[in-house]
Amino acid sequence: MAERDTVLSVNNLIVNFRTDNGLVQAVRDVSFDLKQGETLCIVGESGSGKSVTSKAIMGILANNAIIAGGNIIYRGENLLEVSEEEFYKIRGHKIGMIFQDPLSSLNPIVKIGKQITEATLINSDKLKLMYNDLISDDLIRYKNTLAKMNIQIDTEKKKLDAWIAGLGDKSSLTAEQKAEIRQKQAEFKQFAQNTKNEYMTQAKTLKQALDQKSREAKAEVKAYKAKVTAEHKEKEAKLKERLRAAAPGDREAVKKELEEEQLSFRNQLSITKAEARRRALEIMREVGIPEPEKRFNQYPFEFSGGMRQRIVIAIALTVSPEILICDEPTTALDVTIQAQILELINRIKAERNLSCIFITHDLGVVANMADRVAVMYAGKIVEYGTADEIFYDPRHPYTWALLSSIPDVDSKEKLEAIPGTPPNMIYPPKGDAFANRSRYAMNIDYREQPPYYKVSDTHYAATWLLDPRAPQVEMPRIVKERIRISLEEDSHEQEK
């Protein structure tokens, strides 16, 4: 099979949150990539950093978030450095997201139809879209330059503020400490000025290029509008002439042609409400909503939980994104509806060749969804591999624990709960974060974080159990039994 293109790459991402109690280290050095047309499932307990990672990709982190390191590369650009203008074109348009609770994603007092068509109608002016597309590259270069300047200055300012806060109460500072603060503040002021001077020189050149491109784009849009209008008037005049000369029996057919021409002209300049409605009804049928014409005028409270989730999926699909992030979209649904939604996401992904990041706490949910799986714990990816590797050859004790806790009708073994609770990420453990909850923990697990050990070219796990010096440890009996049963079932299916 040919190697698929990488559409998204997360590298050494670090995300912290400022709180009254201290700095929460929510995401710690996370790296993964997403290939064209594949599903990557990120699995872990609540608080493991899954949703924070997805929100960092979408650029919707809370105001108290600090991205302390790493990058997120989408189509060659670092999303952590782009301007809000460019992110506006990416968020929702290129990268869509389905949230956990569909009811909180929908406005309860606005009809479903209006909510589905909203994004389409906001971007309904085709002439404006044409102009924006023409100047897009120059605008992005200009805005990104300013954004990088502000990010560098803001990063240094946060470092300075954190250093000053670490000195303690201002009233108890010594004269030497106060003098050092003044010195560092002066150094920061000089740094900010030098950074502005450097970037504003670049920005001035880019702004001149943008202004020139803007003039050219306006002229091109004006010419396009004039051409379309002239062609329409010519066709309209001929149709009106035909209408005047038509026999009584032919007049209705010519009138219909005239109406279609007028509608076609309007649709060349903007997306009409009728066209937006047609698209919405089409997508509602695609996601399996019955009687879409009737449902179009109903409110969210008139839908079941599963139908509301289908509506949220429809909204995400209206702008045809390239990547779809699903943040636990089945958590609030019963098992039967869960299966329907998962099947729907799989079908739409295949039909549209979407790349999908699926976030869940349940490994059982992803068994038939994932191409690859990243298992997260305490802000880190502890195991990473293909779906077959994670389900048939798991190596990390936390992955074993997750697999042991999945209900199974075939296995006679007693389900095993994971003892204890996740660590407080204001004070993350010095060694392996899972050590306090693992019966396989060794002394080194409490002293040092394990590196990633390579199991295969596509399979890695961060556990000291894979170190050549570690004692031989077998996975839990319940996991071995489940793998045996599953392999036997696969063998029987192949024989048939």
Protein backbone atom coordinates (compact mmCIF):
# COMPACT_ATOMS: atom_id res chain seq x y z
CA MET A 1 0.00 0.00 0.00
CA ALA A 2 1.30 3.45 -0.88
CA GLU A 3 2.30 5.68 2.00
CA ARG A 4 -0.52 8.10 2.77
CA ASP A 5 0.15 11.81 3.13
CA THR A 6 0.43 13.29 6.62
CA VAL A 7 -2.23 16.00 6.98
CA LEU A 8 -1.59 16.91 10.64
CA SER A 9 1.46 16.51 12.85
CA VAL A 10 1.64 17.30 16.58
CA ASN A 11 5.21 17.53 17.87
CA ASN A 12 6.32 17.72 21.53
CA LEU A 13 3.19 19.66 22.54
CA ILE A 14 3.19 21.04 26.10
CA VAL A 15 0.07 22.74 27.50
CA ASN A 16 -0.22 24.11 31.03
CA PHE A 17 -3.05 25.95 32.82
CA ARG A 18 -2.66 28.75 35.36
CA THR A 19 -4.87 28.16 38.40
CA ASP A 20 -5.11 29.62 41.91
CA ASN A 21 -3.47 26.45 43.25
CA GLY A 22 -0.58 26.39 40.80
CA LEU A 23 0.34 25.40 37.26
CA VAL A 24 -1.55 22.35 35.94
CA GLN A 25 0.61 20.38 33.49
CA ALA A 26 -2.23 19.07 31.32
CA VAL A 27 -0.32 17.94 28.20
CA ARG A 28 3.31 16.87 28.49
CA ASP A 29 5.43 16.40 25.38
CA VAL A 30 2.75 14.80 23.18
CA SER A 31 3.59 13.85 19.59
CA PHE A 32 1.58 12.07 16.89
CA ASP A 33 0.63 12.44 13.26
CA LEU A 34 -2.55 11.93 11.27
CA LYS A 35 -2.54 10.42 7.79
CA GLN A 36 -4.94 11.19 4.94
CA GLY A 37 -8.14 9.14 5.27
CA GLU A 38 -7.24 7.39 8.56
CA THR A 39 -8.76 7.38 12.05
CA LEU A 40 -6.46 8.00 15.00
CA CYS A 41 -8.09 7.19 18.32
CA ILE A 42 -6.79 8.88 21.47
CA VAL A 43 -7.79 6.84 24.52
CA GLY A 44 -7.48 7.53 28.23
CA GLU A 45 -9.28 8.32 31.46
CA SER A 46 -10.82 11.71 32.19
CA GLY A 47 -8.07 14.22 32.89
CA SER A 48 -5.46 12.47 30.75
CA GLY A 49 -5.16 15.43 28.35
CA LYS A 50 -7.14 14.11 25.38
CA SER A 51 -9.60 16.99 25.02
CA VAL A 52 -6.96 19.62 25.81
CA THR A 53 -4.88 18.27 22.92
CA SER A 54 -7.86 18.50 20.54
CA LYS A 55 -8.72 22.02 21.69
CA ALA A 56 -5.11 23.08 21.12
CA ILE A 57 -5.43 21.82 17.53
CA MET A 58 -8.66 23.83 17.12
CA GLY A 59 -7.19 26.93 18.80
CA ILE A 60 -10.00 27.08 21.39
CA LEU A 61 -8.08 26.65 24.65
CA ALA A 62 -9.22 28.63 27.70
CA ASN A 63 -7.65 31.99 28.46
CA ASN A 64 -5.59 30.56 31.33
CA ALA A 65 -3.88 28.06 29.02
CA ILE A 66 -0.15 28.34 28.29
CA ILE A 67 1.32 26.49 25.32
CA ALA A 68 4.80 26.04 26.73
CA GLY A 69 6.35 24.10 23.87
CA GLY A 70 5.94 22.15 20.66
CA ASN A 71 4.12 22.78 17.42
CA ILE A 72 1.04 21.65 15.48
CA ILE A 73 1.76 21.41 11.76
CA TYR A 74 -1.19 21.47 9.36
CA ARG A 75 -0.36 21.48 5.66
CA GLY A 76 3.12 22.84 6.38
CA GLU A 77 2.08 25.62 8.78
CA ASN A 78 2.41 25.77 12.56
CA LEU A 79 -1.10 26.42 13.90
CA LEU A 80 0.39 27.82 17.11
CA GLU A 81 1.92 30.72 15.17
CA VAL A 82 -0.77 31.61 12.64
CA SER A 83 -2.90 34.72 12.97
CA GLU A 84 -6.53 34.56 14.05
CA GLU A 85 -7.51 35.58 10.50
CA GLU A 86 -5.95 32.43 9.11
CA PHE A 87 -7.25 30.26 11.95
CA TYR A 88 -10.73 31.53 11.13
CA LYS A 89 -10.34 29.98 7.68
CA ILE A 90 -9.10 26.69 9.14
CA ARG A 91 -11.29 26.25 12.23
CA GLY A 92 -14.58 24.68 11.20
CA HIS A 93 -13.75 24.95 7.50
CA LYS A 94 -10.69 22.69 7.21
CA ILE A 95 -10.78 21.11 10.67
CA GLY A 96 -14.24 20.37 12.09
CA MET A 97 -15.13 19.21 15.59
CA ILE A 98 -17.96 17.23 17.18
CA PHE A 99 -18.28 17.81 20.92
CA GLN A 100 -19.30 15.43 23.68
CA ASP A 101 -22.73 16.83 24.58
CA PRO A 102 -24.87 17.65 21.52
CA LEU A 103 -27.42 19.62 23.52
CA SER A 104 -24.79 22.05 24.79
CA SER A 105 -23.56 22.51 21.20
CA LEU A 106 -27.01 23.55 19.96
CA ASN A 107 -29.00 26.70 20.70
CA PRO A 108 -32.21 25.46 22.37
CA ILE A 109 -34.35 28.37 21.10
CA VAL A 110 -33.23 28.32 17.44
CA LYS A 111 -34.67 25.92 14.90
CA ILE A 112 -32.38 23.16 13.66
CA GLY A 113 -32.55 24.32 10.04
CA LYS A 114 -31.26 27.76 10.88
CA GLN A 115 -28.39 26.31 12.91
CA ILE A 116 -27.34 24.00 10.06
CA THR A 117 -27.49 26.74 7.40
CA GLU A 118 -25.85 29.41 9.57
CA ALA A 119 -22.25 28.71 8.48
CA THR A 120 -23.29 28.52 4.82
CA LEU A 121 -25.19 31.82 4.92
CA ILE A 122 -22.43 33.64 6.82
CA ASN A 123 -20.16 32.82 3.89
CA SER A 124 -22.85 33.33 1.25
CA ASP A 125 -21.29 36.31 -0.59
CA LYS A 126 -19.36 34.57 -3.37
CA LEU A 127 -17.78 37.81 -4.60
CA LYS A 128 -16.40 38.47 -1.13
CA LEU A 129 -15.16 34.88 -0.89
CA MET A 130 -13.52 35.25 -4.29
CA TYR A 131 -11.78 38.46 -3.17
CA ASN A 132 -10.63 36.84 0.10
CA ASP A 133 -9.25 33.82 -1.77
CA LEU A 134 -7.31 36.05 -4.16
CA ILE A 135 -5.61 38.01 -1.36
CA SER A 136 -5.42 35.06 1.04
CA ASP A 137 -1.73 34.17 0.65
CA ASP A 138 -0.53 37.79 0.96
CA LEU A 139 -2.88 38.51 3.88
CA ILE A 140 -1.76 35.38 5.73
CA ARG A 141 1.93 36.20 5.27
CA TYR A 142 1.35 39.71 6.62
CA LYS A 143 -0.85 38.65 9.56
CA ASN A 144 1.38 35.70 10.45
CA THR A 145 4.39 38.00 10.66
CA LEU A 146 2.55 40.21 13.15
CA ALA A 147 1.29 37.14 15.02
CA LYS A 148 4.82 35.71 15.37
CA MET A 149 6.04 39.05 16.67
CA ASN A 150 3.29 39.17 19.31
CA ILE A 151 3.82 35.52 20.28
CA GLN A 152 7.55 36.06 20.87
CA ILE A 153 6.94 39.17 22.97
CA ASP A 154 4.07 37.52 24.88
CA THR A 155 6.15 34.39 25.58
CA GLU A 156 8.97 36.44 27.08
CA LYS A 157 6.48 38.47 29.10
CA LYS A 158 4.97 35.29 30.57
CA LYS A 159 8.44 34.01 31.47
CA LEU A 160 9.20 37.31 33.22
CA ASP A 161 5.87 37.30 35.08
CA ALA A 162 6.40 33.68 36.17
CA TRP A 163 9.91 34.49 37.41
CA ILE A 164 8.65 37.50 39.39
CA ALA A 165 5.77 35.45 40.85
CA GLY A 166 8.28 32.79 41.93
CA LEU A 167 10.08 35.34 44.13
CA GLY A 168 7.10 35.43 46.47
CA ASP A 169 5.28 38.31 48.19
CA LYS A 170 6.36 41.70 46.79
CA SER A 171 6.35 43.28 50.25
CA SER A 172 9.04 40.87 51.49
CA LEU A 173 11.47 41.33 48.59
CA THR A 174 15.01 42.49 49.33
CA ALA A 175 16.59 45.55 47.71
CA GLU A 176 18.75 43.25 45.57
CA GLN A 177 15.71 41.34 44.35
CA LYS A 178 13.87 44.56 43.49
CA ALA A 179 16.92 45.80 41.59
CA GLU A 180 17.08 42.49 39.70
CA ILE A 181 13.38 42.80 38.80
CA ARG A 182 13.97 46.30 37.42
CA GLN A 183 16.94 45.02 35.44
CA LYS A 184 14.96 42.15 33.91
CA GLN A 185 12.02 44.45 33.14
CA ALA A 186 14.39 46.81 31.32
CA GLU A 187 15.87 43.85 29.40
CA PHE A 188 12.38 42.73 28.42
CA LYS A 189 11.45 46.23 27.27
CA GLN A 190 14.57 46.33 25.08
CA PHE A 191 13.83 42.83 23.75
CA ALA A 192 10.25 43.85 22.88
CA GLN A 193 11.46 46.96 21.07
CA ASN A 194 14.14 45.06 19.10
CA THR A 195 11.61 42.36 18.16
CA LYS A 196 9.10 44.97 16.96
CA ASN A 197 11.75 46.75 14.90
CA GLU A 198 12.81 43.47 13.26
CA TYR A 199 9.31 42.25 12.44
CA MET A 200 7.81 45.62 11.48
CA THR A 201 10.45 46.00 8.74
CA GLN A 202 9.26 42.70 7.26
CA ALA A 203 5.62 43.61 7.86
CA LYS A 204 5.95 46.92 6.00
CA THR A 205 7.18 45.14 2.85
CA LEU A 206 4.45 42.52 3.16
CA LYS A 207 1.78 45.21 3.67
CA GLN A 208 2.82 46.92 0.45
CA ALA A 209 2.52 43.61 -1.42
CA LEU A 210 -0.88 43.02 0.21
CA ASP A 211 -2.17 46.45 -0.83
CA GLN A 212 -1.07 45.80 -4.42
CA LYS A 213 -2.72 42.37 -4.42
CA SER A 214 -5.88 43.88 -2.94
CA ARG A 215 -6.16 46.38 -5.81
CA GLU A 216 -5.64 43.60 -8.36
CA ALA A 217 -8.20 41.37 -6.62
CA LYS A 218 -10.84 44.09 -6.54
CA ALA A 219 -10.36 44.67 -10.26
CA GLU A 220 -10.63 40.93 -10.98
CA VAL A 221 -13.81 40.57 -8.87
CA LYS A 222 -15.33 43.62 -10.57
CA ALA A 223 -14.53 42.18 -14.01
CA TYR A 224 -16.02 38.81 -13.05
CA LYS A 225 -19.22 40.42 -11.79
CA ALA A 226 -19.50 42.54 -14.96
CA LYS A 227 -19.00 39.44 -17.15
CA VAL A 228 -21.58 37.36 -15.26
CA THR A 229 -24.06 40.24 -15.25
CA ALA A 230 -23.63 40.88 -19.00
CA GLU A 231 -24.12 37.18 -19.81
CA HIS A 232 -27.21 37.07 -17.61
CA LYS A 233 -28.75 40.17 -19.16
CA GLU A 234 -28.16 38.77 -22.63
CA LYS A 235 -29.81 35.43 -21.76
CA GLU A 236 -32.61 37.19 -19.87
CA ALA A 237 -33.33 39.48 -22.84
CA LYS A 238 -33.55 36.52 -25.22
CA LEU A 239 -35.87 34.63 -22.87
CA LYS A 240 -38.12 37.66 -22.46
CA GLU A 241 -38.25 38.02 -26.23
CA ARG A 242 -39.18 34.34 -26.52
CA LEU A 243 -41.83 34.81 -23.85
CA ARG A 244 -43.45 37.67 -25.76
CA ALA A 245 -43.47 35.65 -28.97
CA ALA A 246 -44.47 32.31 -27.38
CA ALA A 247 -47.78 30.62 -28.04
CA PRO A 248 -50.12 30.40 -25.02
CA GLY A 249 -49.27 26.72 -24.54
CA ASP A 250 -45.50 27.38 -24.43
CA ARG A 251 -45.50 30.39 -22.13
CA GLU A 252 -45.26 28.40 -18.87
CA ALA A 253 -42.19 26.49 -20.08
CA VAL A 254 -40.44 29.73 -21.11
CA LYS A 255 -41.39 31.36 -17.77
CA LYS A 256 -39.79 28.44 -15.97
CA GLU A 257 -36.60 28.86 -18.03
CA LEU A 258 -36.57 32.56 -17.16
CA GLU A 259 -36.97 31.83 -13.43
CA GLU A 260 -34.17 29.23 -13.59
CA GLU A 261 -31.87 31.72 -15.33
CA GLN A 262 -32.57 34.39 -12.68
CA LEU A 263 -31.92 31.84 -9.90
CA SER A 264 -28.71 30.71 -11.63
CA PHE A 265 -27.53 34.34 -11.83
CA ARG A 266 -28.16 34.93 -8.12
CA ASN A 267 -26.38 31.69 -7.24
CA GLN A 268 -23.30 32.81 -9.20
CA LEU A 269 -23.01 35.87 -6.97
CA SER A 270 -24.19 34.49 -3.63
CA ILE A 271 -25.62 31.44 -1.90
CA THR A 272 -29.34 32.05 -1.52
CA LYS A 273 -31.42 30.85 1.42
CA ALA A 274 -33.09 28.35 -0.91
CA GLU A 275 -29.70 26.91 -1.93
CA ALA A 276 -28.54 26.79 1.71
CA ARG A 277 -31.75 24.95 2.64
CA ARG A 278 -31.26 22.48 -0.22
CA ARG A 279 -27.71 21.72 0.96
CA ALA A 280 -28.86 21.36 4.58
CA LEU A 281 -31.62 18.90 3.66
CA GLU A 282 -29.10 16.91 1.62
CA ILE A 283 -26.69 16.65 4.57
CA MET A 284 -29.54 15.79 6.97
CA ARG A 285 -30.41 12.84 4.73
CA GLU A 286 -26.73 11.89 4.59
CA VAL A 287 -26.50 11.63 8.38
CA GLY A 288 -29.68 9.57 8.58
CA ILE A 289 -32.29 12.06 9.82
CA PRO A 290 -35.75 10.93 8.63
CA GLU A 291 -38.22 13.43 7.16
CA PRO A 292 -35.63 16.23 6.92
CA GLU A 293 -38.16 18.71 5.44
CA LYS A 294 -40.25 18.38 8.62
CA ARG A 295 -37.27 18.20 11.00
CA PHE A 296 -35.73 21.32 9.43
CA ASN A 297 -38.25 23.51 11.30
CA GLN A 298 -38.06 21.77 14.67
CA TYR A 299 -36.15 22.76 17.83
CA PRO A 300 -33.37 20.71 19.50
CA PHE A 301 -35.62 19.61 22.39
CA GLU A 302 -37.84 17.83 19.84
CA PHE A 303 -34.99 15.45 18.96
CA SER A 304 -33.65 12.44 20.83
CA GLY A 305 -30.03 12.36 22.03
CA GLY A 306 -28.93 10.30 19.05
CA MET A 307 -30.72 12.58 16.57
CA ARG A 308 -29.19 15.68 18.20
CA GLN A 309 -25.75 14.14 17.74
CA ARG A 310 -26.58 13.54 14.07
CA ILE A 311 -27.53 17.23 13.79
CA VAL A 312 -24.17 18.25 15.29
CA ILE A 313 -22.40 15.98 12.79
CA ALA A 314 -24.45 17.57 9.97
CA ILE A 315 -23.38 21.07 11.10
CA ALA A 316 -19.72 19.98 11.15
CA LEU A 317 -20.05 18.61 7.61
CA THR A 318 -21.72 21.63 5.98
CA VAL A 319 -18.37 23.19 5.07
CA SER A 320 -16.74 19.88 4.01
CA PRO A 321 -13.78 19.77 6.44
CA GLU A 322 -10.64 17.77 5.69
CA ILE A 323 -10.14 16.68 9.32
CA LEU A 324 -12.92 15.77 11.76
CA ILE A 325 -12.19 15.72 15.51
CA CYS A 326 -14.74 13.70 17.50
CA ASP A 327 -14.46 14.46 21.24
CA GLU A 328 -16.26 11.56 22.95
CA PRO A 329 -19.35 11.96 20.72
CA THR A 330 -21.09 8.85 22.09
CA THR A 331 -20.51 9.26 25.85
CA ALA A 332 -24.02 10.59 26.59
CA LEU A 333 -25.77 7.98 24.42
CA ASP A 334 -27.01 4.46 25.18
CA VAL A 335 -25.18 1.48 23.69
CA THR A 336 -27.53 0.94 20.73
CA ILE A 337 -27.39 4.58 19.65
CA GLN A 338 -23.62 4.59 20.22
CA ALA A 339 -23.24 1.85 17.63
CA GLN A 340 -25.37 3.79 15.13
CA ILE A 341 -23.35 6.99 15.56
CA LEU A 342 -20.03 5.14 15.26
CA GLU A 343 -21.27 3.42 12.09
CA LEU A 344 -22.41 6.79 10.72
CA ILE A 345 -19.01 8.43 11.40
CA ASN A 346 -17.23 5.49 9.75
CA ARG A 347 -19.47 5.68 6.67
CA ILE A 348 -19.12 9.45 6.25
CA LYS A 349 -15.35 9.20 6.77
CA ALA A 350 -15.10 6.61 4.00
CA GLU A 351 -17.39 8.47 1.60
CA ARG A 352 -15.63 11.81 2.03
CA ASN A 353 -12.09 10.45 2.60
CA LEU A 354 -11.92 12.36 5.89
CA SER A 355 -9.07 12.11 8.35
CA CYS A 356 -10.48 11.59 11.83
CA ILE A 357 -9.22 12.03 15.40
CA PHE A 358 -11.54 10.11 17.72
CA ILE A 359 -11.25 10.81 21.44
CA THR A 360 -12.69 8.40 23.99
CA HIS A 361 -12.09 6.82 27.40
CA ASP A 362 -13.36 3.42 26.24
CA LEU A 363 -11.06 1.12 24.25
CA GLY A 364 -14.10 -0.99 23.38
CA VAL A 365 -15.62 1.91 21.45
CA VAL A 366 -12.61 2.22 19.15
CA ALA A 367 -12.16 -1.47 18.29
CA ASN A 368 -13.89 -1.10 14.91
CA MET A 369 -12.99 2.57 14.37
CA ALA A 370 -9.25 2.97 14.70
CA ASP A 371 -6.44 2.60 12.23
CA ARG A 372 -4.00 3.69 14.93
CA VAL A 373 -4.37 4.23 18.68
CA ALA A 374 -2.61 6.58 21.10
CA VAL A 375 -3.11 5.67 24.76
CA MET A 376 -2.79 8.75 27.01
CA TYR A 377 -2.23 8.95 30.75
CA ALA A 378 -1.38 11.98 32.91
CA GLY A 379 -0.81 14.22 29.91
CA LYS A 380 1.52 11.83 28.04
CA ILE A 381 1.10 9.22 25.33
CA VAL A 382 2.22 6.01 27.03
CA GLU A 383 1.59 3.63 24.10
CA TYR A 384 1.20 4.25 20.39
CA GLY A 385 0.57 1.78 17.59
CA THR A 386 -1.82 0.34 15.04
CA ALA A 387 -5.20 -0.92 16.27
CA ASP A 388 -4.06 -4.55 15.89
CA GLU A 389 -0.88 -3.87 17.88
CA ILE A 390 -2.73 -2.18 20.73
CA PHE A 391 -5.47 -4.82 20.94
CA TYR A 392 -3.41 -7.96 20.22
CA ASP A 393 0.04 -7.04 21.53
CA PRO A 394 -0.38 -4.35 24.25
CA ARG A 395 2.80 -3.61 26.22
CA HIS A 396 2.04 -0.86 28.76
CA PRO A 397 0.44 -1.76 32.12
CA TYR A 398 -2.07 1.09 31.67
CA THR A 399 -3.19 -0.35 28.31
CA TRP A 400 -3.56 -3.73 30.01
CA ALA A 401 -5.67 -2.09 32.72
CA LEU A 402 -7.95 -0.42 30.15
CA LEU A 403 -8.40 -3.69 28.24
CA SER A 404 -9.11 -5.55 31.48
CA SER A 405 -11.96 -3.19 32.36
CA ILE A 406 -13.94 -3.60 29.09
CA PRO A 407 -17.17 -5.64 29.51
CA ASP A 408 -17.01 -8.79 27.38
CA VAL A 409 -19.65 -11.50 26.81
CA ASP A 410 -17.09 -14.15 25.79
CA SER A 411 -14.59 -13.90 28.63
CA LYS A 412 -15.37 -15.63 31.94
CA GLU A 413 -12.72 -13.68 33.82
CA LYS A 414 -13.79 -11.10 36.41
CA LEU A 415 -13.46 -7.50 35.25
CA GLU A 416 -10.56 -5.66 36.87
CA ALA A 417 -10.97 -2.08 38.08
CA ILE A 418 -8.00 0.25 37.92
CA PRO A 419 -7.02 0.99 41.54
CA GLY A 420 -6.43 4.52 42.81
CA THR A 421 -6.93 7.78 40.93
CA PRO A 422 -4.92 9.76 38.36
CA PRO A 423 -2.19 11.99 39.84
CA ASN A 424 -2.56 15.68 40.62
CA MET A 425 -1.00 17.33 37.59
CA ILE A 426 -0.03 20.43 39.58
CA TYR A 427 2.54 18.08 41.12
CA PRO A 428 3.15 15.40 38.46
CA PRO A 429 5.09 12.32 39.60
CA LYS A 430 8.82 12.33 39.11
CA GLY A 431 8.90 8.92 37.38
CA ASP A 432 6.23 6.90 35.58
CA ALA A 433 2.91 8.62 36.34
CA PHE A 434 1.09 5.25 36.40
CA ALA A 435 3.48 3.66 38.92
CA ASN A 436 1.30 4.28 42.00
CA ARG A 437 -1.60 2.41 40.37
CA SER A 438 0.40 -0.40 38.75
CA ARG A 439 1.13 -3.74 40.36
CA TYR A 440 4.06 -4.11 37.94
CA ALA A 441 5.88 -0.96 39.12
CA MET A 442 9.60 -1.26 39.90
CA ASN A 443 11.81 1.04 41.96
CA ILE A 444 12.97 2.91 38.85
CA ASP A 445 9.34 3.74 37.97
CA TYR A 446 9.24 6.04 40.98
CA ARG A 447 12.54 7.74 40.11
CA GLU A 448 12.66 8.27 36.34
CA GLN A 449 10.22 8.63 33.47
CA PRO A 450 10.59 5.72 31.05
CA PRO A 451 11.68 6.48 27.47
CA TYR A 452 9.76 5.17 24.47
CA TYR A 453 10.79 1.62 23.62
CA LYS A 454 10.33 0.47 20.05
CA VAL A 455 8.24 -2.69 19.77
CA SER A 456 7.94 -2.46 15.97
CA ASP A 457 8.28 0.24 13.31
CA THR A 458 4.75 1.42 14.18
CA HIS A 459 4.48 0.43 17.84
CA TYR A 460 6.05 2.24 20.82
CA ALA A 461 5.45 2.07 24.57
CA ALA A 462 6.87 4.14 27.44
CA THR A 463 7.38 1.52 30.14
CA TRP A 464 10.46 0.26 31.97
CA LEU A 465 9.08 -3.29 31.54
CA LEU A 466 10.45 -3.19 27.97
CA ASP A 467 13.97 -2.41 29.17
CA PRO A 468 16.29 -5.40 28.57
CA ARG A 469 17.26 -5.30 32.26
CA ALA A 470 13.62 -5.58 33.48
CA PRO A 471 12.24 -8.89 34.75
CA GLN A 472 9.95 -10.83 32.44
CA VAL A 473 6.32 -9.98 33.19
CA GLU A 474 3.25 -11.48 31.52
CA MET A 475 0.16 -9.44 30.74
CA PRO A 476 -2.94 -10.09 32.92
CA ARG A 477 -4.72 -13.38 32.33
CA ILE A 478 -7.97 -11.65 31.36
CA VAL A 479 -6.21 -9.75 28.56
CA LYS A 480 -4.47 -12.90 27.29
CA GLU A 481 -7.78 -14.77 27.32
CA ARG A 482 -9.55 -12.04 25.38
CA ILE A 483 -6.79 -11.90 22.77
CA ARG A 484 -6.95 -15.70 22.40
CA ILE A 485 -10.73 -15.67 21.90
CA SER A 486 -10.55 -12.78 19.45
CA LEU A 487 -7.81 -14.46 17.37
CA GLU A 488 -9.83 -17.70 17.26
CA GLU A 489 -12.91 -15.79 16.08
CA ASP A 490 -10.84 -14.05 13.37
CA SER A 491 -9.47 -17.43 12.28
CA HIS A 492 -12.97 -18.91 12.01
CA GLU A 493 -14.14 -15.90 9.99
CA GLN A 494 -11.25 -16.33 7.54
CA GLU A 495 -12.00 -20.05 7.12
CA LYS A 496 -15.59 -19.21 6.15
